[in-house]
Amino acid sequence: MNHRILMIISLMAMLNTGHLHAGVSATQALELGPSLTPVGAEKAGNPEGTIPAYTGGLPPETSPPGFHPESGRWTNPFPDEKPLYSVTGQNMAKYDNAISETCKALLKRDPTFRMDVYPSHRSAAYPEWVLKNTLKNATQAHLTKNGLALEGAFGGIPFPLPENGNEVMWNHMLVYNGYPAEYRGRNWYVDKNGKAVNTGALQASLQSGYYNPAWNSEELKKNGNAFFEAAYHFIFPPTAAGNAAYAIDTLDPVEQPRRAWSYSAATRRVRISPDLTHDTPIASQGGVTNYDEGYLFLGKLDLFDFKLIGKREMLIPYNNYRLVFETGSSQILTPKHLNPDVVRWELHRVWVVEATRKPDKRHSLNRRIFYFDEDWSGAGMSDAFGRGDQLVKGIFLAATPLYDAQMPLARCYWAYDLLSNIYTLIQHFGDPDMGYQLKPGGFPEMTFSPDALPNRGRE
């Protein structure tokens, strides 16, 4: 019998003994059986056969030609596949329900924009310890403080059977994303005239106490309750080289809000940066995206009401190894939009969440719609609306699972500012000397500390 099914049976036995916590009924939790995967996705494909059944993701022995495990780049495991069809401005009506509002706007606006749709592969795979923790979380995780804080979860997806929008958003923020790791990536901005500008190249170190396999929930609390820590320094442009920053997000942003520090190589001073939240624009991304739009959404859920709309089959960026790792920026950054030749779209089922700004809160956006992949909520896209419910922005986060390590990954993303006709490409690893390195042994203790920033800036 499949070992993952055995884990599910164990969970079912536990549920039947009454060990159930707030938020999920025993009947609902029992759905994590033959019909659903351990992370709550529908195991079966769709009736049309355009979405396949989930069979566990890409196996660890996957090794496409040209792949070198220590290179920091993952080679496309589907190199010989061709697009099944292309969505253009001429035929977009046929695929209307599968296309985001931003994609519709681009198809209508730019004759050169198209979406090449490839065979769908449910390639996301997880380590066994993450799946086991996810099954535990199904009966133990719960939200507190009006959905702003999380308790009872550790080391896995907190809500494999989400019941509301806040739970889906926490699933997204706590997605397993290959920790700890270090990367060197470039950020790009393309102006309305088609000129590409490198707004920053940086080296970053990432870790997550929430996904530390040597800990448990009690150890996590003792060590600061952090689910995401990032320390980085700029290596380009020359005016920013040596500048560094460190930020930390926790499971209880009410009691422990985001903390961030920055180091200026010019002044040689470390200072607290209280404004790296919500709708503050990110300078190194050309100001196109805000701090709470990193990786689609990262931050406190206090300014919006999040409504779970349900599931939907949609075309999302997926298995974009060619874009993220294999292609240089000069071949990607075409005028008005990314080069359609290197962007891979696939049909997947997604969770849809609508975020509406609370009447008594201030934010540059009034409404946002998120589309998260059901197999791995780190991948997907979003639409953003401003005054008068005008569509103003779209963000796309590409999935590139690290097959040899059994780790899903989505770090590279891009955003279109539809009002200014500009776009950005963020954390791209396809240029020389760029890449993503897993650090299974972790980092020196002082890596994630404000005191380490001056030395980091001199690396």
Protein backbone atom coordinates (compact mmCIF):
# COMPACT_ATOMS: atom_id res chain seq x y z
CA MET A 1 0.00 0.00 0.00
CA ASN A 2 1.25 3.50 -0.83
CA HIS A 3 3.02 4.98 2.22
CA ARG A 4 1.18 8.30 1.79
CA ILE A 5 -2.16 6.49 1.95
CA LEU A 6 -0.96 4.80 5.15
CA MET A 7 -0.32 8.23 6.64
CA ILE A 8 -3.85 9.29 5.72
CA ILE A 9 -5.32 6.15 7.31
CA SER A 10 -3.40 6.96 10.50
CA LEU A 11 -4.90 10.44 10.50
CA MET A 12 -8.38 8.99 10.00
CA ALA A 13 -7.90 6.71 13.01
CA MET A 14 -6.83 9.68 15.11
CA LEU A 15 -9.86 11.66 14.01
CA ASN A 16 -12.21 8.87 14.98
CA THR A 17 -10.84 8.94 18.53
CA GLY A 18 -12.04 12.52 18.89
CA HIS A 19 -8.69 14.36 18.73
CA LEU A 20 -10.10 17.25 16.74
CA HIS A 21 -9.47 20.93 17.25
CA ALA A 22 -11.41 24.01 16.21
CA GLY A 23 -12.20 24.78 12.59
CA VAL A 24 -12.49 21.37 10.90
CA SER A 25 -15.15 18.73 11.49
CA ALA A 26 -14.29 15.03 11.58
CA THR A 27 -16.33 14.47 8.43
CA GLN A 28 -14.44 17.17 6.55
CA ALA A 29 -11.03 15.99 7.73
CA LEU A 30 -11.80 12.45 6.61
CA GLU A 31 -11.78 13.81 3.06
CA LEU A 32 -7.97 13.61 3.30
CA GLY A 33 -8.26 10.08 2.02
CA PRO A 34 -8.40 8.52 -1.43
CA SER A 35 -10.06 11.55 -3.05
CA LEU A 36 -7.63 14.21 -1.79
CA THR A 37 -3.86 14.49 -1.58
CA PRO A 38 -2.21 15.04 1.83
CA VAL A 39 -2.15 18.81 1.12
CA GLY A 40 -5.87 18.89 0.28
CA ALA A 41 -5.77 18.98 -3.53
CA GLU A 42 -8.13 16.91 -5.64
CA LYS A 43 -6.27 13.74 -6.46
CA ALA A 44 -8.18 13.01 -9.66
CA GLY A 45 -7.72 14.83 -12.91
CA ASN A 46 -10.54 16.69 -14.59
CA PRO A 47 -13.14 14.91 -16.80
CA GLU A 48 -11.66 16.38 -19.98
CA GLY A 49 -8.23 14.96 -19.22
CA THR A 50 -6.58 18.38 -19.53
CA ILE A 51 -5.57 18.27 -15.86
CA PRO A 52 -3.94 14.95 -14.91
CA ALA A 53 -4.34 13.01 -11.69
CA TYR A 54 -1.81 13.73 -8.96
CA THR A 55 0.74 10.91 -8.64
CA GLY A 56 3.18 12.41 -6.15
CA GLY A 57 5.01 15.02 -8.22
CA LEU A 58 8.34 14.67 -9.98
CA PRO A 59 10.38 11.83 -8.42
CA PRO A 60 13.79 12.55 -6.83
CA GLU A 61 15.62 10.57 -9.51
CA THR A 62 14.51 13.11 -12.14
CA SER A 63 17.68 14.21 -13.95
CA PRO A 64 17.12 15.85 -17.35
CA PRO A 65 20.06 16.28 -19.74
CA GLY A 66 22.36 19.08 -18.65
CA PHE A 67 21.24 19.14 -15.02
CA HIS A 68 24.03 19.54 -12.45
CA PRO A 69 22.78 19.41 -8.83
CA GLU A 70 25.39 21.87 -7.53
CA SER A 71 24.89 24.44 -10.27
CA GLY A 72 22.11 26.40 -8.59
CA ARG A 73 19.97 25.96 -11.70
CA TRP A 74 17.38 23.33 -12.48
CA THR A 75 17.03 22.09 -16.05
CA ASN A 76 13.64 21.76 -17.73
CA PRO A 77 12.43 18.16 -17.22
CA PHE A 78 10.08 18.50 -20.21
CA PRO A 79 12.47 19.84 -22.89
CA ASP A 80 10.81 18.19 -25.88
CA GLU A 81 7.27 19.35 -25.22
CA LYS A 82 5.58 21.79 -27.59
CA PRO A 83 2.62 24.07 -26.88
CA LEU A 84 -0.78 22.43 -27.22
CA TYR A 85 -2.25 25.75 -28.31
CA SER A 86 -1.76 29.49 -27.92
CA VAL A 87 -4.21 32.01 -26.51
CA THR A 88 -4.20 35.28 -28.45
CA GLY A 89 -6.33 38.36 -28.71
CA GLN A 90 -8.20 36.70 -31.56
CA ASN A 91 -9.27 33.51 -29.76
CA MET A 92 -9.27 34.61 -26.11
CA ALA A 93 -13.06 34.42 -25.83
CA LYS A 94 -12.82 30.63 -26.13
CA TYR A 95 -10.72 30.50 -22.95
CA ASP A 96 -12.36 33.36 -21.08
CA ASN A 97 -13.00 31.53 -17.81
CA ALA A 98 -9.43 30.22 -17.61
CA ILE A 99 -7.67 33.58 -18.00
CA SER A 100 -6.97 36.16 -15.31
CA GLU A 101 -8.17 39.74 -15.74
CA THR A 102 -4.60 40.95 -16.23
CA CYS A 103 -4.00 38.43 -19.01
CA LYS A 104 -7.23 39.53 -20.70
CA ALA A 105 -6.09 43.15 -20.56
CA LEU A 106 -2.70 42.29 -22.06
CA LEU A 107 -4.26 40.19 -24.82
CA LYS A 108 -6.56 43.07 -25.76
CA ARG A 109 -3.85 45.72 -25.51
CA ASP A 110 -0.82 44.12 -27.14
CA PRO A 111 -1.03 42.09 -30.37
CA THR A 112 2.38 40.60 -29.53
CA PHE A 113 1.22 39.13 -26.22
CA ARG A 114 0.14 35.50 -26.23
CA MET A 115 -0.05 32.56 -23.85
CA ASP A 116 1.58 29.32 -25.02
CA VAL A 117 -0.21 26.50 -23.21
CA TYR A 118 1.71 23.28 -22.58
CA PRO A 119 0.64 19.88 -21.19
CA SER A 120 -0.14 20.17 -17.48
CA HIS A 121 2.21 18.46 -15.03
CA ARG A 122 1.38 18.31 -11.33
CA SER A 123 5.06 18.31 -10.52
CA ALA A 124 5.10 19.58 -6.91
CA ALA A 125 6.50 17.02 -4.46
CA TYR A 126 7.09 17.28 -0.72
CA PRO A 127 9.41 15.65 1.82
CA GLU A 128 7.64 13.06 3.96
CA TRP A 129 8.12 15.05 7.16
CA VAL A 130 6.28 18.01 5.64
CA LEU A 131 3.36 15.77 4.61
CA LYS A 132 3.19 14.22 8.07
CA ASN A 133 3.12 17.64 9.70
CA THR A 134 0.43 18.77 7.27
CA LEU A 135 -1.79 15.89 8.38
CA LYS A 136 -1.25 16.88 12.01
CA ASN A 137 -2.00 20.50 11.21
CA ALA A 138 -5.34 19.49 9.69
CA THR A 139 -6.69 18.84 13.19
CA GLN A 140 -4.60 21.26 15.24
CA ALA A 141 -4.08 24.52 13.34
CA HIS A 142 -6.41 27.41 14.06
CA LEU A 143 -6.49 31.17 13.57
CA THR A 144 -6.66 33.68 16.40
CA LYS A 145 -6.99 37.45 16.69
CA ASN A 146 -9.58 37.76 13.92
CA GLY A 147 -7.58 35.62 11.54
CA LEU A 148 -4.40 37.66 11.88
CA ALA A 149 -2.40 35.11 13.90
CA LEU A 150 -1.87 31.36 13.65
CA GLU A 151 -1.52 28.74 16.37
CA GLY A 152 -1.25 24.97 16.48
CA ALA A 153 0.63 24.55 13.20
CA PHE A 154 4.21 23.57 12.47
CA GLY A 155 6.30 22.28 9.59
CA GLY A 156 3.55 21.78 7.02
CA ILE A 157 0.59 23.35 5.24
CA PRO A 158 -1.57 24.66 8.11
CA PHE A 159 -4.99 24.19 6.49
CA PRO A 160 -5.17 21.40 3.90
CA LEU A 161 -8.95 21.82 4.05
CA PRO A 162 -9.33 25.61 4.13
CA GLU A 163 -12.70 27.00 5.15
CA ASN A 164 -12.16 30.71 4.58
CA GLY A 165 -9.98 33.23 2.80
CA ASN A 166 -7.66 33.90 5.72
CA GLU A 167 -6.80 30.21 5.95
CA VAL A 168 -5.89 30.09 2.26
CA MET A 169 -3.71 33.18 2.65
CA TRP A 170 -1.87 31.56 5.56
CA ASN A 171 -1.42 28.44 3.42
CA HIS A 172 0.21 30.67 0.83
CA MET A 173 2.50 32.47 3.25
CA LEU A 174 3.50 29.21 4.93
CA VAL A 175 4.08 27.27 1.75
CA TYR A 176 7.07 24.95 1.79
CA ASN A 177 9.61 26.72 -0.40
CA GLY A 178 12.99 25.06 -0.09
CA TYR A 179 14.57 26.31 3.16
CA PRO A 180 17.26 27.13 4.07
CA ALA A 181 18.70 28.55 0.88
CA GLU A 182 20.86 31.25 -0.63
CA TYR A 183 20.47 32.90 -4.00
CA ARG A 184 21.91 35.52 -6.30
CA GLY A 185 19.25 37.10 -8.49
CA ARG A 186 18.55 40.18 -10.58
CA ASN A 187 15.58 42.54 -10.59
CA TRP A 188 14.55 44.25 -13.82
CA TYR A 189 12.27 47.10 -14.80
CA VAL A 190 11.08 47.67 -18.38
CA ASP A 191 9.76 51.18 -19.06
CA LYS A 192 6.96 52.17 -21.42
CA ASN A 193 9.47 52.68 -24.23
CA GLY A 194 10.74 49.11 -23.91
CA LYS A 195 14.03 49.98 -22.22
CA ALA A 196 15.19 47.38 -19.67
CA VAL A 197 16.89 48.67 -16.51
CA ASN A 198 18.63 46.47 -13.95
CA THR A 199 17.25 47.90 -10.70
CA GLY A 200 19.27 45.62 -8.49
CA ALA A 201 21.22 42.42 -8.17
CA LEU A 202 21.38 40.94 -4.72
CA GLN A 203 22.54 37.98 -2.71
CA ALA A 204 20.07 36.69 -0.16
CA SER A 205 20.03 34.13 2.64
CA LEU A 206 16.66 32.61 3.58
CA GLN A 207 15.49 30.44 6.44
CA SER A 208 12.28 29.43 8.17
CA GLY A 209 12.01 28.36 11.79
CA TYR A 210 8.56 27.04 10.95
CA TYR A 211 10.17 24.57 8.55
CA ASN A 212 13.17 23.62 10.68
CA PRO A 213 12.98 19.79 10.77
CA ALA A 214 15.02 19.70 13.99
CA TRP A 215 12.38 21.73 15.86
CA ASN A 216 8.77 21.39 16.92
CA SER A 217 6.14 24.02 17.66
CA GLU A 218 7.51 24.63 21.16
CA GLU A 219 11.04 25.14 19.87
CA LEU A 220 9.66 27.53 17.28
CA LYS A 221 8.01 29.66 19.97
CA LYS A 222 11.18 29.68 22.07
CA ASN A 223 13.18 30.91 19.09
CA GLY A 224 10.98 33.82 18.04
CA ASN A 225 8.05 32.19 16.19
CA ALA A 226 9.46 33.18 12.78
CA PHE A 227 8.18 31.60 9.59
CA PHE A 228 10.30 33.68 7.21
CA GLU A 229 13.68 35.37 7.61
CA ALA A 230 15.64 37.04 4.83
CA ALA A 231 19.06 38.69 5.01
CA TYR A 232 20.46 40.18 1.82
CA HIS A 233 22.91 42.65 0.36
CA PHE A 234 23.12 44.40 -2.99
CA ILE A 235 25.90 43.67 -5.45
CA PHE A 236 24.50 46.02 -8.12
CA PRO A 237 24.09 48.88 -8.98
CA PRO A 238 27.36 50.43 -7.76
CA THR A 239 25.45 53.12 -5.86
CA ALA A 240 23.74 50.43 -3.79
CA ALA A 241 26.52 47.84 -3.58
CA GLY A 242 27.20 46.95 0.04
CA ASN A 243 23.80 48.04 1.30
CA ALA A 244 22.15 45.26 3.27
CA ALA A 245 18.90 44.42 5.03
CA TYR A 246 17.34 41.85 7.33
CA ALA A 247 13.62 41.17 7.82
CA ILE A 248 11.62 38.70 9.86
CA ASP A 249 7.93 37.67 9.77
CA THR A 250 6.21 35.71 12.55
CA LEU A 251 3.08 33.62 13.08
CA ASP A 252 1.65 36.37 15.30
CA PRO A 253 2.12 39.73 13.58
CA VAL A 254 -0.21 41.34 16.12
CA GLU A 255 2.16 40.70 19.03
CA GLN A 256 5.30 40.37 16.90
CA PRO A 257 4.91 42.56 13.79
CA ARG A 258 7.38 42.44 10.94
CA ARG A 259 10.79 43.65 12.01
CA ALA A 260 13.29 44.97 9.51
CA TRP A 261 16.70 46.61 9.62
CA SER A 262 18.80 48.15 6.88
CA TYR A 263 22.48 48.97 6.59
CA SER A 264 23.82 51.84 4.49
CA ALA A 265 27.35 51.38 3.18
CA ALA A 266 27.61 55.15 2.74
CA THR A 267 26.81 56.05 6.34
CA ARG A 268 27.95 52.74 7.86
CA ARG A 269 24.88 52.70 10.04
CA VAL A 270 22.24 50.10 10.79
CA ARG A 271 18.76 51.47 11.34
CA ILE A 272 15.31 50.06 11.98
CA SER A 273 13.09 50.17 8.88
CA PRO A 274 9.48 50.35 10.11
CA ASP A 275 7.98 51.15 6.70
CA LEU A 276 8.76 47.89 4.87
CA THR A 277 5.14 46.77 5.02
CA HIS A 278 1.76 47.01 3.32
CA ASP A 279 1.62 49.38 0.32
CA THR A 280 5.08 50.90 0.65
CA PRO A 281 6.62 50.57 -2.86
CA ILE A 282 9.73 48.40 -3.24
CA ALA A 283 12.44 50.63 -4.69
CA SER A 284 14.57 47.76 -6.01
CA GLN A 285 11.57 46.59 -8.04
CA GLY A 286 11.09 49.93 -9.74
CA GLY A 287 8.24 50.86 -7.41
CA VAL A 288 5.86 48.65 -9.41
CA THR A 289 5.18 46.32 -6.49
CA ASN A 290 4.52 46.96 -2.81
CA TYR A 291 5.99 45.16 0.17
CA ASP A 292 2.80 43.18 0.77
CA GLU A 293 2.91 41.99 -2.86
CA GLY A 294 6.14 40.05 -2.50
CA TYR A 295 5.54 36.52 -3.83
CA LEU A 296 1.91 37.63 -4.48
CA PHE A 297 1.30 38.34 -0.79
CA LEU A 298 3.50 38.50 2.29
CA GLY A 299 2.55 40.39 5.42
CA LYS A 300 -0.19 41.14 7.89
CA LEU A 301 -3.79 40.42 6.84
CA ASP A 302 -5.26 43.40 8.67
CA LEU A 303 -6.20 45.80 5.85
CA PHE A 304 -8.41 43.51 3.76
CA ASP A 305 -11.32 41.13 4.16
CA PHE A 306 -10.37 37.86 2.48
CA LYS A 307 -13.21 35.85 0.97
CA LEU A 308 -12.75 32.31 -0.30
CA ILE A 309 -14.55 32.14 -3.65
CA GLY A 310 -13.78 28.48 -4.33
CA LYS A 311 -11.92 26.43 -6.94
CA ARG A 312 -11.46 27.17 -10.63
CA GLU A 313 -9.49 25.75 -13.57
CA MET A 314 -7.12 28.44 -14.83
CA LEU A 315 -4.03 28.97 -16.95
CA ILE A 316 -1.14 29.83 -14.63
CA PRO A 317 2.65 29.99 -15.08
CA TYR A 318 3.97 26.55 -14.19
CA ASN A 319 7.15 24.53 -14.64
CA ASN A 320 8.91 27.64 -15.95
CA TYR A 321 12.46 26.28 -15.80
CA ARG A 322 13.30 27.79 -19.17
CA LEU A 323 12.28 31.27 -18.05
CA VAL A 324 13.70 31.20 -14.52
CA PHE A 325 16.95 29.26 -14.91
CA GLU A 326 17.82 28.68 -18.57
CA THR A 327 17.31 31.99 -20.38
CA GLY A 328 19.25 35.22 -20.02
CA SER A 329 17.39 38.44 -19.27
CA SER A 330 18.26 39.95 -22.66
CA GLN A 331 16.11 37.27 -24.33
CA ILE A 332 13.21 37.69 -21.92
CA LEU A 333 12.73 41.44 -21.51
CA THR A 334 10.91 42.44 -24.67
CA PRO A 335 8.91 45.69 -24.95
CA LYS A 336 5.54 45.78 -23.18
CA HIS A 337 5.67 42.23 -21.77
CA LEU A 338 7.88 39.20 -21.21
CA ASN A 339 8.89 37.30 -24.34
CA PRO A 340 5.98 34.85 -24.87
CA ASP A 341 8.39 32.30 -26.34
CA VAL A 342 9.88 31.55 -22.90
CA VAL A 343 6.79 31.70 -20.65
CA ARG A 344 5.09 28.37 -20.06
CA TRP A 345 1.39 28.29 -19.14
CA GLU A 346 -0.46 25.22 -17.88
CA LEU A 347 -4.04 24.49 -16.86
CA HIS A 348 -4.34 23.83 -13.12
CA ARG A 349 -7.02 23.99 -10.48
CA VAL A 350 -6.59 27.01 -8.23
CA TRP A 351 -8.03 28.36 -5.02
CA VAL A 352 -9.58 31.79 -5.66
CA VAL A 353 -9.55 34.38 -2.88
CA GLU A 354 -10.97 37.89 -3.19
CA ALA A 355 -9.50 40.55 -0.91
CA THR A 356 -11.54 43.73 -0.36
CA ARG A 357 -10.06 46.68 1.48
CA LYS A 358 -11.76 47.31 4.80
CA PRO A 359 -13.75 50.58 4.81
CA ASP A 360 -11.78 52.01 7.74
CA LYS A 361 -8.35 51.08 6.35
CA ARG A 362 -6.03 52.81 3.89
CA HIS A 363 -4.20 51.08 1.05
CA SER A 364 -3.32 51.98 -2.53
CA LEU A 365 -5.39 49.01 -3.75
CA ASN A 366 -9.11 48.57 -3.16
CA ARG A 367 -9.49 44.97 -4.25
CA ARG A 368 -7.29 42.01 -5.12
CA ILE A 369 -7.99 38.55 -6.49
CA PHE A 370 -5.55 35.73 -5.79
CA TYR A 371 -5.29 32.45 -7.67
CA PHE A 372 -3.24 29.78 -5.84
CA ASP A 373 -2.34 26.38 -7.25
CA GLU A 374 -4.16 23.58 -5.39
CA ASP A 375 -1.09 21.31 -5.25
CA TRP A 376 1.22 23.99 -3.96
CA SER A 377 -0.16 27.35 -2.89
CA GLY A 378 3.17 29.10 -3.48
CA ALA A 379 2.44 29.27 -7.21
CA GLY A 380 -0.17 31.35 -8.98
CA MET A 381 -1.07 34.92 -9.84
CA SER A 382 -3.10 37.93 -8.74
CA ASP A 383 -5.14 40.81 -10.14
CA ALA A 384 -5.24 44.19 -8.38
CA PHE A 385 -7.87 46.93 -8.63
CA GLY A 386 -7.64 50.58 -7.61
CA ARG A 387 -10.07 53.48 -7.50
CA GLY A 388 -13.36 52.89 -9.25
CA ASP A 389 -12.52 49.18 -9.32
CA GLN A 390 -10.13 49.81 -12.21
CA LEU A 391 -7.73 46.97 -12.98
CA VAL A 392 -4.28 48.41 -12.33
CA LYS A 393 -1.83 45.55 -11.85
CA GLY A 394 -1.19 41.85 -12.24
CA ILE A 395 1.48 39.67 -10.63
CA PHE A 396 2.61 36.20 -11.69
CA LEU A 397 4.63 33.74 -9.59
CA ALA A 398 6.25 30.88 -11.49
CA ALA A 399 6.53 27.35 -10.11
CA THR A 400 9.83 25.52 -10.66
CA PRO A 401 9.88 22.46 -8.36
CA LEU A 402 13.36 21.31 -7.34
CA TYR A 403 12.85 17.68 -8.27
CA ASP A 404 16.07 16.19 -6.89
CA ALA A 405 15.45 17.76 -3.46
CA GLN A 406 11.66 17.13 -3.44
CA MET A 407 11.08 20.81 -2.79
CA PRO A 408 8.56 23.04 -4.52
CA LEU A 409 9.97 26.47 -5.36
CA ALA A 410 8.64 29.80 -6.57
CA ARG A 411 10.96 32.76 -6.16
CA CYS A 412 10.93 34.41 -9.58
CA TYR A 413 7.90 36.59 -10.31
CA TRP A 414 6.88 39.45 -12.57
CA ALA A 415 4.37 42.27 -12.39
CA TYR A 416 2.58 44.41 -14.95
CA ASP A 417 1.59 47.99 -14.11
CA LEU A 418 -1.31 48.46 -16.52
CA LEU A 419 -1.65 52.19 -15.90
CA SER A 420 1.96 53.12 -16.64
CA ASN A 421 2.59 50.36 -19.20
CA ILE A 422 5.68 49.15 -17.39
CA TYR A 423 6.62 45.79 -15.93
CA THR A 424 9.20 44.12 -13.71
CA LEU A 425 10.96 40.78 -13.51
CA ILE A 426 12.01 39.90 -9.97
CA GLN A 427 14.61 37.44 -8.66
CA HIS A 428 15.59 36.05 -12.02
CA PHE A 429 18.34 33.42 -12.00
CA GLY A 430 19.05 32.95 -15.71
CA ASP A 431 21.99 35.33 -16.13
CA PRO A 432 25.65 34.33 -15.53
CA ASP A 433 26.68 34.06 -11.86
CA MET A 434 23.05 33.95 -10.73
CA GLY A 435 21.41 30.92 -9.13
CA TYR A 436 19.63 29.31 -6.19
CA GLN A 437 21.54 27.14 -3.73
CA LEU A 438 20.00 24.94 -1.06
CA LYS A 439 21.77 25.03 2.30
CA PRO A 440 20.73 21.85 4.14
CA GLY A 441 23.35 22.49 6.81
CA GLY A 442 21.94 25.93 7.54
CA PHE A 443 23.82 29.16 8.19
CA PRO A 444 26.08 30.48 10.96
CA GLU A 445 23.98 31.73 13.86
CA MET A 446 24.86 35.39 13.28
CA THR A 447 23.71 35.38 9.63
CA PHE A 448 20.20 36.48 10.61
CA SER A 449 20.89 39.43 12.85
CA PRO A 450 20.99 43.23 12.48
CA ASP A 451 24.51 43.12 13.90
CA ALA A 452 25.68 41.03 10.94
CA LEU A 453 24.56 43.53 8.28
CA PRO A 454 27.77 45.62 8.09
CA ASN A 455 29.87 42.52 7.45
CA ARG A 456 27.31 41.17 5.02
CA GLY A 457 27.52 44.37 3.01
CA ARG A 458 31.26 43.82 2.60
CA GLU A 459 30.90 40.27 1.24
